[in-house]
Amino acid sequence: MAYRKVVSPTPSELLSEGQFRLFAVCARRPQNLPREVPWQERGPGVYDCLWGTDTVRVVVAGELPREVHNAPLHLFSASPVVVGFGGGAYRRRSEDTSRLLDQLFRQFRGEGLIMPYTMADFRRDYVKEHLSELTPQELAEALQALPAEARLAGLPAEARLAGLSLEEIREYLDRATAGPKAPPRKPRRKK
């Protein structure tokens, strides 16, 4: 277990395996897994699955009782009714609640989430929505992280060339239109 190595004091002083448990959270109950490995119900929506010598606790979000303490997990259910309950019942206890959950709550309270919605879609939408909250320094740092092509994409030619002298532009164009240089010719042998 990589996590065990990360949280242990040193690689030679690993915390005991008994201090760790394996969990899997899924929206729906797996169809084939209970037929292939030993599977035991521990409570509504909670199962123990034997995987080799380990026991994995499987939590099926859509089967959990609709109770406030389960609300965060209900957000990841495959059932719109259960997701709706989770969105309405969850109460943030910290200002540090993740951006992803915050965005999910806004979507659920609005018109709903259109599927498929990928993590890339989320990142793009989150940045668009919160761009105005960035400080000039944070914005500059975010832009610096992008490749030059991405920073310039969509700008008109005049804006892309701003800051370059006419001489620099001509030199670039001359190099670009000159084509590849021909290799030097071998001298001919005399007969």
N, C-alpha and C. Protein backbone atom coordinates (compact mmCIF):
# COMPACT_ATOMS: atom_id res chain seq x y z
N MET A 1 0.85 -1.18 0.00
CA MET A 1 0.00 0.00 0.00
C MET A 1 0.89 1.24 0.00
N ALA A 2 0.80 2.00 -1.04
CA ALA A 2 1.62 3.21 -1.17
C ALA A 2 1.30 4.21 -0.06
N TYR A 3 0.03 4.34 0.30
CA TYR A 3 -0.36 5.30 1.34
C TYR A 3 0.32 4.96 2.66
N ARG A 4 0.43 3.68 2.97
CA ARG A 4 1.09 3.23 4.20
C ARG A 4 2.53 3.71 4.24
N LYS A 5 3.21 3.65 3.10
CA LYS A 5 4.60 4.10 3.02
C LYS A 5 4.70 5.62 3.19
N VAL A 6 3.73 6.33 2.62
CA VAL A 6 3.76 7.79 2.68
C VAL A 6 3.56 8.31 4.09
N VAL A 7 2.66 7.72 4.84
CA VAL A 7 2.33 8.25 6.17
C VAL A 7 3.16 7.64 7.30
N SER A 8 3.95 6.62 7.01
CA SER A 8 4.79 6.01 8.04
C SER A 8 5.98 6.91 8.36
N PRO A 9 6.52 6.81 9.61
CA PRO A 9 7.65 7.67 9.99
C PRO A 9 8.85 7.53 9.06
N THR A 10 9.22 6.29 8.71
CA THR A 10 10.32 6.05 7.77
C THR A 10 9.99 4.79 6.99
N PRO A 11 10.67 4.55 5.86
CA PRO A 11 10.41 3.32 5.09
C PRO A 11 10.72 2.05 5.89
N SER A 12 11.63 2.13 6.85
CA SER A 12 11.94 0.94 7.65
C SER A 12 11.03 0.79 8.87
N GLU A 13 10.25 1.83 9.19
CA GLU A 13 9.32 1.79 10.32
C GLU A 13 7.89 1.98 9.82
N LEU A 14 7.40 1.05 9.03
CA LEU A 14 6.05 1.16 8.48
C LEU A 14 5.01 0.95 9.58
N LEU A 15 3.94 1.73 9.53
CA LEU A 15 2.82 1.52 10.44
C LEU A 15 2.21 0.15 10.14
N SER A 16 1.60 -0.46 11.14
CA SER A 16 1.05 -1.81 10.93
C SER A 16 -0.09 -1.80 9.92
N GLU A 17 -0.21 -2.91 9.18
CA GLU A 17 -1.25 -3.01 8.17
C GLU A 17 -2.64 -2.91 8.77
N GLY A 18 -2.77 -3.32 10.01
CA GLY A 18 -4.06 -3.29 10.69
C GLY A 18 -4.61 -1.88 10.88
N GLN A 19 -3.77 -0.87 10.74
CA GLN A 19 -4.22 0.51 10.90
C GLN A 19 -4.82 1.09 9.62
N PHE A 20 -4.87 0.28 8.56
CA PHE A 20 -5.37 0.77 7.26
C PHE A 20 -6.49 -0.13 6.77
N ARG A 21 -7.43 0.48 6.05
CA ARG A 21 -8.53 -0.26 5.43
C ARG A 21 -8.67 0.23 4.00
N LEU A 22 -9.17 -0.63 3.16
CA LEU A 22 -9.41 -0.29 1.76
C LEU A 22 -10.89 -0.04 1.55
N PHE A 23 -11.21 1.06 0.86
CA PHE A 23 -12.59 1.41 0.56
C PHE A 23 -12.75 1.63 -0.94
N ALA A 24 -13.92 1.30 -1.43
CA ALA A 24 -14.28 1.61 -2.81
C ALA A 24 -15.67 2.24 -2.75
N VAL A 25 -15.84 3.35 -3.43
CA VAL A 25 -17.13 4.03 -3.47
C VAL A 25 -17.60 4.01 -4.91
N CYS A 26 -18.83 3.58 -5.14
CA CYS A 26 -19.35 3.53 -6.51
C CYS A 26 -20.79 4.02 -6.52
N ALA A 27 -21.23 4.46 -7.68
CA ALA A 27 -22.58 4.99 -7.83
C ALA A 27 -23.62 3.87 -7.78
N ARG A 28 -23.31 2.74 -8.45
CA ARG A 28 -24.22 1.58 -8.51
C ARG A 28 -23.49 0.34 -8.00
N ARG A 29 -24.25 -0.66 -7.62
CA ARG A 29 -23.65 -1.93 -7.20
C ARG A 29 -23.01 -2.60 -8.42
N PRO A 30 -21.77 -3.04 -8.31
CA PRO A 30 -21.13 -3.74 -9.43
C PRO A 30 -21.93 -5.00 -9.78
N GLN A 31 -22.11 -5.27 -11.06
CA GLN A 31 -22.93 -6.40 -11.50
C GLN A 31 -22.19 -7.74 -11.38
N ASN A 32 -20.95 -7.79 -11.84
CA ASN A 32 -20.24 -9.06 -11.92
C ASN A 32 -19.37 -9.36 -10.70
N LEU A 33 -18.92 -8.35 -10.01
CA LEU A 33 -17.99 -8.56 -8.90
C LEU A 33 -18.53 -9.50 -7.83
N PRO A 34 -19.79 -9.36 -7.38
CA PRO A 34 -20.29 -10.28 -6.34
C PRO A 34 -20.32 -11.74 -6.78
N ARG A 35 -20.34 -11.99 -8.09
CA ARG A 35 -20.33 -13.38 -8.58
C ARG A 35 -18.92 -13.95 -8.65
N GLU A 36 -17.92 -13.05 -8.68
CA GLU A 36 -16.54 -13.51 -8.89
C GLU A 36 -15.72 -13.59 -7.61
N VAL A 37 -16.06 -12.80 -6.59
CA VAL A 37 -15.31 -12.81 -5.33
C VAL A 37 -16.30 -12.84 -4.16
N PRO A 38 -15.85 -13.35 -3.00
CA PRO A 38 -16.75 -13.35 -1.85
C PRO A 38 -17.22 -11.93 -1.50
N TRP A 39 -18.49 -11.80 -1.21
CA TRP A 39 -19.15 -10.51 -1.07
C TRP A 39 -20.16 -10.63 0.06
N GLN A 40 -20.08 -9.77 1.05
CA GLN A 40 -20.99 -9.88 2.20
C GLN A 40 -21.58 -8.51 2.53
N GLU A 41 -22.91 -8.46 2.68
CA GLU A 41 -23.57 -7.20 3.01
C GLU A 41 -23.36 -6.90 4.49
N ARG A 42 -22.95 -5.65 4.79
CA ARG A 42 -22.74 -5.21 6.17
C ARG A 42 -23.85 -4.29 6.63
N GLY A 43 -24.55 -3.71 5.69
CA GLY A 43 -25.65 -2.80 5.98
C GLY A 43 -26.17 -2.28 4.66
N PRO A 44 -27.23 -1.48 4.68
CA PRO A 44 -27.76 -0.95 3.42
C PRO A 44 -26.69 -0.16 2.66
N GLY A 45 -26.32 -0.65 1.47
CA GLY A 45 -25.34 0.03 0.62
C GLY A 45 -23.90 -0.17 1.03
N VAL A 46 -23.63 -1.04 2.01
CA VAL A 46 -22.26 -1.26 2.47
C VAL A 46 -21.96 -2.76 2.42
N TYR A 47 -20.87 -3.12 1.74
CA TYR A 47 -20.50 -4.52 1.53
C TYR A 47 -19.02 -4.70 1.81
N ASP A 48 -18.65 -5.92 2.23
CA ASP A 48 -17.25 -6.30 2.33
C ASP A 48 -16.96 -7.26 1.19
N CYS A 49 -15.87 -7.00 0.51
CA CYS A 49 -15.48 -7.79 -0.64
C CYS A 49 -14.09 -8.33 -0.37
N LEU A 50 -13.90 -9.65 -0.43
CA LEU A 50 -12.58 -10.23 -0.23
C LEU A 50 -11.82 -10.18 -1.54
N TRP A 51 -10.67 -9.52 -1.49
CA TRP A 51 -9.83 -9.36 -2.69
C TRP A 51 -8.45 -9.85 -2.31
N GLY A 52 -8.14 -11.08 -2.68
CA GLY A 52 -6.89 -11.68 -2.24
C GLY A 52 -6.94 -11.86 -0.74
N THR A 53 -5.95 -11.33 -0.05
CA THR A 53 -5.94 -11.43 1.42
C THR A 53 -6.53 -10.19 2.07
N ASP A 54 -6.95 -9.22 1.26
CA ASP A 54 -7.50 -7.97 1.79
C ASP A 54 -9.02 -7.97 1.75
N THR A 55 -9.61 -7.22 2.67
CA THR A 55 -11.04 -6.98 2.64
C THR A 55 -11.26 -5.53 2.20
N VAL A 56 -12.03 -5.37 1.16
CA VAL A 56 -12.32 -4.03 0.65
C VAL A 56 -13.77 -3.71 1.03
N ARG A 57 -13.94 -2.58 1.70
CA ARG A 57 -15.28 -2.13 2.05
C ARG A 57 -15.83 -1.38 0.83
N VAL A 58 -16.93 -1.87 0.26
CA VAL A 58 -17.54 -1.27 -0.92
C VAL A 58 -18.77 -0.49 -0.48
N VAL A 59 -18.80 0.80 -0.80
CA VAL A 59 -19.93 1.65 -0.46
C VAL A 59 -20.64 1.99 -1.76
N VAL A 60 -21.91 1.61 -1.87
CA VAL A 60 -22.71 1.88 -3.06
C VAL A 60 -23.60 3.09 -2.74
N ALA A 61 -23.22 4.24 -3.28
CA ALA A 61 -23.87 5.51 -2.93
C ALA A 61 -25.38 5.48 -3.14
N GLY A 62 -25.83 4.87 -4.21
CA GLY A 62 -27.26 4.86 -4.51
C GLY A 62 -28.09 3.99 -3.60
N GLU A 63 -27.44 3.11 -2.80
CA GLU A 63 -28.18 2.22 -1.91
C GLU A 63 -28.12 2.66 -0.45
N LEU A 64 -27.35 3.70 -0.16
CA LEU A 64 -27.25 4.17 1.23
C LEU A 64 -28.56 4.77 1.69
N PRO A 65 -28.88 4.67 2.97
CA PRO A 65 -30.11 5.29 3.47
C PRO A 65 -30.05 6.80 3.24
N ARG A 66 -31.20 7.39 2.94
CA ARG A 66 -31.27 8.84 2.73
C ARG A 66 -31.28 9.54 4.09
N GLU A 67 -30.05 9.72 4.59
CA GLU A 67 -29.85 10.39 5.87
C GLU A 67 -28.82 11.48 5.66
N VAL A 68 -28.89 12.52 6.46
CA VAL A 68 -28.03 13.69 6.30
C VAL A 68 -26.55 13.31 6.30
N HIS A 69 -26.15 12.37 7.17
CA HIS A 69 -24.72 12.02 7.24
C HIS A 69 -24.23 11.33 5.96
N ASN A 70 -25.14 10.81 5.14
CA ASN A 70 -24.76 10.19 3.86
C ASN A 70 -24.84 11.17 2.68
N ALA A 71 -25.29 12.38 2.90
CA ALA A 71 -25.53 13.35 1.82
C ALA A 71 -24.35 13.54 0.88
N PRO A 72 -23.10 13.69 1.38
CA PRO A 72 -22.00 13.88 0.43
C PRO A 72 -21.84 12.71 -0.54
N LEU A 73 -22.07 11.49 -0.06
CA LEU A 73 -21.96 10.32 -0.94
C LEU A 73 -23.13 10.24 -1.91
N HIS A 74 -24.29 10.72 -1.50
CA HIS A 74 -25.45 10.70 -2.41
C HIS A 74 -25.21 11.55 -3.65
N LEU A 75 -24.35 12.55 -3.55
CA LEU A 75 -24.05 13.40 -4.71
C LEU A 75 -23.44 12.60 -5.85
N PHE A 76 -22.87 11.45 -5.55
CA PHE A 76 -22.21 10.64 -6.56
C PHE A 76 -23.03 9.41 -6.94
N SER A 77 -24.30 9.41 -6.59
CA SER A 77 -25.19 8.32 -6.95
C SER A 77 -25.56 8.43 -8.42
N ALA A 78 -26.01 7.32 -8.99
CA ALA A 78 -26.46 7.34 -10.38
C ALA A 78 -27.93 7.73 -10.49
N SER A 79 -28.62 7.86 -9.36
CA SER A 79 -30.04 8.18 -9.36
C SER A 79 -30.26 9.68 -9.18
N PRO A 80 -30.94 10.35 -10.12
CA PRO A 80 -31.19 11.78 -9.97
C PRO A 80 -31.95 12.11 -8.68
N VAL A 81 -32.85 11.24 -8.25
CA VAL A 81 -33.61 11.49 -7.02
C VAL A 81 -32.68 11.48 -5.81
N VAL A 82 -31.77 10.51 -5.76
CA VAL A 82 -30.84 10.41 -4.64
C VAL A 82 -29.84 11.57 -4.67
N VAL A 83 -29.38 11.93 -5.86
CA VAL A 83 -28.47 13.07 -6.00
C VAL A 83 -29.16 14.34 -5.52
N GLY A 84 -30.42 14.50 -5.88
CA GLY A 84 -31.18 15.66 -5.42
C GLY A 84 -31.27 15.73 -3.91
N PHE A 85 -31.52 14.58 -3.28
CA PHE A 85 -31.54 14.54 -1.82
C PHE A 85 -30.19 14.97 -1.26
N GLY A 86 -29.11 14.41 -1.82
CA GLY A 86 -27.77 14.74 -1.34
C GLY A 86 -27.47 16.22 -1.45
N GLY A 87 -27.84 16.82 -2.59
CA GLY A 87 -27.59 18.25 -2.79
C GLY A 87 -28.38 19.12 -1.83
N GLY A 88 -29.60 18.69 -1.50
CA GLY A 88 -30.42 19.48 -0.59
C GLY A 88 -30.08 19.28 0.87
N ALA A 89 -29.58 18.09 1.22
CA ALA A 89 -29.36 17.76 2.63
C ALA A 89 -27.96 18.10 3.12
N TYR A 90 -27.00 18.21 2.21
CA TYR A 90 -25.62 18.42 2.66
C TYR A 90 -25.44 19.83 3.21
N ARG A 91 -24.79 19.94 4.35
CA ARG A 91 -24.48 21.22 4.97
C ARG A 91 -22.97 21.33 5.10
N ARG A 92 -22.41 22.37 4.51
CA ARG A 92 -20.97 22.59 4.60
C ARG A 92 -20.61 22.92 6.04
N ARG A 93 -19.53 22.32 6.51
CA ARG A 93 -19.08 22.58 7.87
C ARG A 93 -17.80 23.38 7.88
N SER A 94 -17.25 23.64 6.71
CA SER A 94 -15.97 24.33 6.64
C SER A 94 -15.96 25.22 5.41
N GLU A 95 -15.28 26.34 5.50
CA GLU A 95 -15.12 27.22 4.35
C GLU A 95 -14.16 26.61 3.33
N ASP A 96 -13.46 25.55 3.75
CA ASP A 96 -12.47 24.94 2.88
C ASP A 96 -13.04 23.78 2.06
N THR A 97 -14.37 23.67 1.98
CA THR A 97 -14.98 22.62 1.18
C THR A 97 -14.45 22.72 -0.24
N SER A 98 -14.18 21.59 -0.83
CA SER A 98 -13.52 21.58 -2.14
C SER A 98 -14.31 22.32 -3.20
N ARG A 99 -13.57 22.84 -4.18
CA ARG A 99 -14.20 23.56 -5.29
C ARG A 99 -15.16 22.65 -6.06
N LEU A 100 -14.79 21.39 -6.17
CA LEU A 100 -15.64 20.47 -6.93
C LEU A 100 -17.00 20.33 -6.27
N LEU A 101 -17.03 20.10 -4.96
CA LEU A 101 -18.33 19.97 -4.28
C LEU A 101 -19.12 21.26 -4.35
N ASP A 102 -18.44 22.39 -4.19
CA ASP A 102 -19.11 23.68 -4.29
C ASP A 102 -19.78 23.83 -5.65
N GLN A 103 -19.05 23.46 -6.69
CA GLN A 103 -19.61 23.55 -8.04
C GLN A 103 -20.77 22.58 -8.23
N LEU A 104 -20.67 21.38 -7.67
CA LEU A 104 -21.76 20.42 -7.77
C LEU A 104 -23.03 20.96 -7.10
N PHE A 105 -22.87 21.57 -5.92
CA PHE A 105 -24.04 22.12 -5.23
C PHE A 105 -24.72 23.19 -6.08
N ARG A 106 -23.93 24.05 -6.70
CA ARG A 106 -24.51 25.10 -7.54
C ARG A 106 -25.28 24.50 -8.71
N GLN A 107 -24.71 23.47 -9.31
CA GLN A 107 -25.37 22.83 -10.45
C GLN A 107 -26.69 22.17 -10.02
N PHE A 108 -26.65 21.44 -8.88
CA PHE A 108 -27.84 20.74 -8.43
C PHE A 108 -28.96 21.69 -8.06
N ARG A 109 -28.61 22.85 -7.53
CA ARG A 109 -29.64 23.81 -7.14
C ARG A 109 -30.15 24.60 -8.35
N GLY A 110 -29.41 24.53 -9.44
CA GLY A 110 -29.81 25.22 -10.68
C GLY A 110 -30.69 24.31 -11.50
N GLU A 111 -30.38 24.21 -12.76
CA GLU A 111 -31.21 23.42 -13.65
C GLU A 111 -30.76 21.98 -13.76
N GLY A 112 -29.68 21.61 -13.10
CA GLY A 112 -29.21 20.23 -13.16
C GLY A 112 -27.97 20.11 -14.02
N LEU A 113 -27.38 18.97 -13.92
CA LEU A 113 -26.11 18.69 -14.58
C LEU A 113 -26.38 17.92 -15.86
N ILE A 114 -25.86 18.41 -16.96
CA ILE A 114 -26.03 17.72 -18.25
C ILE A 114 -24.91 16.72 -18.38
N MET A 115 -25.24 15.48 -18.66
CA MET A 115 -24.23 14.43 -18.82
C MET A 115 -24.00 14.19 -20.30
N PRO A 116 -22.81 13.76 -20.74
CA PRO A 116 -21.64 13.54 -19.93
C PRO A 116 -20.91 14.85 -19.64
N TYR A 117 -20.46 14.99 -18.45
CA TYR A 117 -19.73 16.17 -18.00
C TYR A 117 -18.41 15.69 -17.45
N THR A 118 -17.34 15.97 -18.16
CA THR A 118 -16.03 15.44 -17.80
C THR A 118 -15.31 16.36 -16.82
N MET A 119 -14.22 15.85 -16.27
CA MET A 119 -13.40 16.66 -15.37
C MET A 119 -12.80 17.84 -16.14
N ALA A 120 -12.45 17.64 -17.41
CA ALA A 120 -11.93 18.74 -18.22
C ALA A 120 -13.00 19.83 -18.37
N ASP A 121 -14.26 19.42 -18.58
CA ASP A 121 -15.37 20.38 -18.66
C ASP A 121 -15.49 21.15 -17.35
N PHE A 122 -15.39 20.43 -16.23
CA PHE A 122 -15.49 21.08 -14.92
C PHE A 122 -14.39 22.12 -14.75
N ARG A 123 -13.14 21.73 -15.05
CA ARG A 123 -12.02 22.66 -14.87
C ARG A 123 -12.23 23.93 -15.70
N ARG A 124 -12.62 23.74 -16.96
CA ARG A 124 -12.83 24.89 -17.85
C ARG A 124 -13.94 25.79 -17.32
N ASP A 125 -15.06 25.20 -16.94
CA ASP A 125 -16.19 25.98 -16.43
C ASP A 125 -15.85 26.67 -15.11
N TYR A 126 -15.12 25.98 -14.25
CA TYR A 126 -14.76 26.57 -12.97
C TYR A 126 -13.88 27.80 -13.17
N VAL A 127 -12.90 27.67 -14.06
CA VAL A 127 -12.00 28.80 -14.32
C VAL A 127 -12.78 29.97 -14.89
N LYS A 128 -13.68 29.71 -15.84
CA LYS A 128 -14.48 30.79 -16.43
C LYS A 128 -15.29 31.52 -15.35
N GLU A 129 -15.90 30.73 -14.47
CA GLU A 129 -16.77 31.31 -13.45
C GLU A 129 -16.00 32.09 -12.39
N HIS A 130 -14.78 31.66 -12.09
CA HIS A 130 -14.04 32.26 -10.98
C HIS A 130 -12.85 33.10 -11.42
N LEU A 131 -12.69 33.33 -12.71
CA LEU A 131 -11.57 34.10 -13.23
C LEU A 131 -11.51 35.50 -12.63
N SER A 132 -12.66 36.12 -12.47
CA SER A 132 -12.69 37.49 -11.94
C SER A 132 -12.23 37.57 -10.49
N GLU A 133 -12.19 36.44 -9.77
CA GLU A 133 -11.78 36.43 -8.37
C GLU A 133 -10.26 36.35 -8.20
N LEU A 134 -9.54 36.07 -9.30
CA LEU A 134 -8.08 35.95 -9.20
C LEU A 134 -7.43 37.32 -9.06
N THR A 135 -6.37 37.37 -8.28
CA THR A 135 -5.58 38.59 -8.18
C THR A 135 -4.77 38.73 -9.46
N PRO A 136 -4.28 39.92 -9.79
CA PRO A 136 -3.44 40.06 -10.99
C PRO A 136 -2.23 39.12 -10.96
N GLN A 137 -1.65 38.93 -9.78
CA GLN A 137 -0.49 38.03 -9.65
C GLN A 137 -0.89 36.59 -9.96
N GLU A 138 -2.03 36.12 -9.42
CA GLU A 138 -2.49 34.76 -9.68
C GLU A 138 -2.82 34.56 -11.15
N LEU A 139 -3.42 35.57 -11.75
CA LEU A 139 -3.75 35.50 -13.18
C LEU A 139 -2.48 35.41 -14.02
N ALA A 140 -1.48 36.22 -13.69
CA ALA A 140 -0.20 36.19 -14.42
C ALA A 140 0.46 34.83 -14.28
N GLU A 141 0.42 34.25 -13.08
CA GLU A 141 1.02 32.93 -12.86
C GLU A 141 0.28 31.85 -13.65
N ALA A 142 -1.04 31.93 -13.68
CA ALA A 142 -1.82 30.95 -14.44
C ALA A 142 -1.52 31.04 -15.94
N LEU A 143 -1.40 32.27 -16.43
CA LEU A 143 -1.09 32.44 -17.86
C LEU A 143 0.32 31.96 -18.19
N GLN A 144 1.27 32.20 -17.28
CA GLN A 144 2.64 31.75 -17.52
C GLN A 144 2.72 30.24 -17.62
N ALA A 145 1.83 29.52 -16.94
CA ALA A 145 1.85 28.06 -16.96
C ALA A 145 1.40 27.51 -18.31
N LEU A 146 0.70 28.32 -19.10
CA LEU A 146 0.23 27.87 -20.41
C LEU A 146 1.34 27.96 -21.44
N PRO A 147 1.36 27.05 -22.42
CA PRO A 147 2.32 27.20 -23.52
C PRO A 147 2.01 28.47 -24.31
N ALA A 148 3.03 29.03 -24.94
CA ALA A 148 2.87 30.29 -25.68
C ALA A 148 1.75 30.19 -26.71
N GLU A 149 1.64 29.07 -27.39
CA GLU A 149 0.59 28.91 -28.41
C GLU A 149 -0.80 29.07 -27.81
N ALA A 150 -0.98 28.53 -26.61
CA ALA A 150 -2.28 28.63 -25.96
C ALA A 150 -2.58 30.05 -25.51
N ARG A 151 -1.54 30.76 -25.04
CA ARG A 151 -1.75 32.15 -24.60
C ARG A 151 -2.12 33.04 -25.77
N LEU A 152 -1.62 32.74 -26.97
CA LEU A 152 -1.83 33.59 -28.13
C LEU A 152 -3.02 33.14 -29.00
N ALA A 153 -3.53 31.94 -28.75
CA ALA A 153 -4.61 31.40 -29.59
C ALA A 153 -5.80 32.35 -29.61
N GLY A 154 -6.32 32.58 -30.79
CA GLY A 154 -7.51 33.40 -30.94
C GLY A 154 -7.24 34.89 -31.07
N LEU A 155 -6.01 35.31 -30.85
CA LEU A 155 -5.69 36.74 -30.99
C LEU A 155 -5.48 37.09 -32.46
N PRO A 156 -5.87 38.29 -32.87
CA PRO A 156 -5.59 38.71 -34.25
C PRO A 156 -4.08 38.84 -34.46
N ALA A 157 -3.66 38.77 -35.72
CA ALA A 157 -2.23 38.82 -36.05
C ALA A 157 -1.56 40.05 -35.46
N GLU A 158 -2.23 41.20 -35.49
CA GLU A 158 -1.64 42.43 -34.97
C GLU A 158 -1.29 42.28 -33.48
N ALA A 159 -2.17 41.67 -32.73
CA ALA A 159 -1.93 41.49 -31.30
C ALA A 159 -0.80 40.49 -31.07
N ARG A 160 -0.73 39.43 -31.90
CA ARG A 160 0.32 38.43 -31.74
C ARG A 160 1.70 39.01 -32.05
N LEU A 161 1.75 39.96 -32.97
CA LEU A 161 3.03 40.54 -33.38
C LEU A 161 3.40 41.79 -32.59
N ALA A 162 2.49 42.27 -31.78
CA ALA A 162 2.77 43.48 -30.99
C ALA A 162 4.02 43.27 -30.16
N GLY A 163 4.88 44.28 -30.14
CA GLY A 163 6.11 44.18 -29.37
C GLY A 163 7.31 43.75 -30.20
N LEU A 164 7.06 43.25 -31.42
CA LEU A 164 8.15 42.88 -32.31
C LEU A 164 8.42 44.03 -33.27
N SER A 165 9.68 44.26 -33.56
CA SER A 165 10.02 45.31 -34.52
C SER A 165 9.81 44.78 -35.94
N LEU A 166 9.66 45.70 -36.89
CA LEU A 166 9.50 45.28 -38.29
C LEU A 166 10.70 44.45 -38.74
N GLU A 167 11.87 44.81 -38.26
CA GLU A 167 13.08 44.07 -38.62
C GLU A 167 13.00 42.61 -38.14
N GLU A 168 12.54 42.41 -36.91
CA GLU A 168 12.40 41.05 -36.38
C GLU A 168 11.37 40.24 -37.17
N ILE A 169 10.29 40.90 -37.54
CA ILE A 169 9.25 40.22 -38.34
C ILE A 169 9.80 39.84 -39.70
N ARG A 170 10.52 40.76 -40.36
CA ARG A 170 11.10 40.47 -41.69
C ARG A 170 12.10 39.32 -41.61
N GLU A 171 12.98 39.35 -40.59
CA GLU A 171 13.96 38.28 -40.43
C GLU A 171 13.27 36.93 -40.28
N TYR A 172 12.22 36.90 -39.46
CA TYR A 172 11.49 35.65 -39.28
C TYR A 172 10.87 35.18 -40.60
N LEU A 173 10.22 36.11 -41.32
CA LEU A 173 9.59 35.75 -42.59
C LEU A 173 10.63 35.28 -43.61
N ASP A 174 11.78 35.93 -43.65
CA ASP A 174 12.84 35.51 -44.57
C ASP A 174 13.29 34.08 -44.27
N ARG A 175 13.47 33.77 -42.98
CA ARG A 175 13.89 32.41 -42.61
C ARG A 175 12.80 31.40 -42.94
N ALA A 176 11.55 31.78 -42.67
CA ALA A 176 10.44 30.85 -42.89
C ALA A 176 10.19 30.58 -44.37
N THR A 177 10.41 31.57 -45.23
CA THR A 177 10.13 31.38 -46.65
C THR A 177 11.34 30.92 -47.44
N ALA A 178 12.50 30.92 -46.84
CA ALA A 178 13.71 30.52 -47.56
C ALA A 178 13.72 29.03 -47.87
N GLY A 179 13.01 28.26 -47.11
CA GLY A 179 12.99 26.82 -47.34
C GLY A 179 14.25 26.19 -46.78
N PRO A 180 14.30 24.87 -46.84
CA PRO A 180 15.47 24.19 -46.29
C PRO A 180 16.70 24.46 -47.16
N LYS A 181 17.82 24.58 -46.52
CA LYS A 181 19.06 24.80 -47.26
C LYS A 181 19.47 23.51 -47.93
N ALA A 182 19.92 23.64 -49.17
CA ALA A 182 20.40 22.47 -49.90
C ALA A 182 21.75 22.06 -49.32
N PRO A 183 21.98 20.74 -49.22
CA PRO A 183 23.28 20.31 -48.70
C PRO A 183 24.38 20.72 -49.67
N PRO A 184 25.59 20.95 -49.19
CA PRO A 184 26.66 21.35 -50.09
C PRO A 184 26.94 20.24 -51.11
N ARG A 185 27.27 20.68 -52.33
CA ARG A 185 27.52 19.70 -53.40
C ARG A 185 28.90 19.08 -53.22
N LYS A 186 28.96 17.84 -53.60
CA LYS A 186 30.25 17.17 -53.57
C LYS A 186 31.04 17.60 -54.80
N PRO A 187 32.30 17.81 -54.66
CA PRO A 187 33.07 18.19 -55.86
C PRO A 187 33.10 17.03 -56.85
N ARG A 188 33.08 17.39 -58.13
CA ARG A 188 33.11 16.36 -59.19
C ARG A 188 34.52 15.85 -59.39
N ARG A 189 34.62 14.63 -59.65
CA ARG A 189 35.94 14.07 -59.95
C ARG A 189 36.27 14.32 -61.41
N LYS A 190 37.48 14.61 -61.63
CA LYS A 190 37.91 14.84 -63.02
C LYS A 190 38.18 13.51 -63.66
N LYS A 191 37.83 13.44 -64.95
CA LYS A 191 38.05 12.21 -65.69
C LYS A 191 39.30 12.27 -66.48
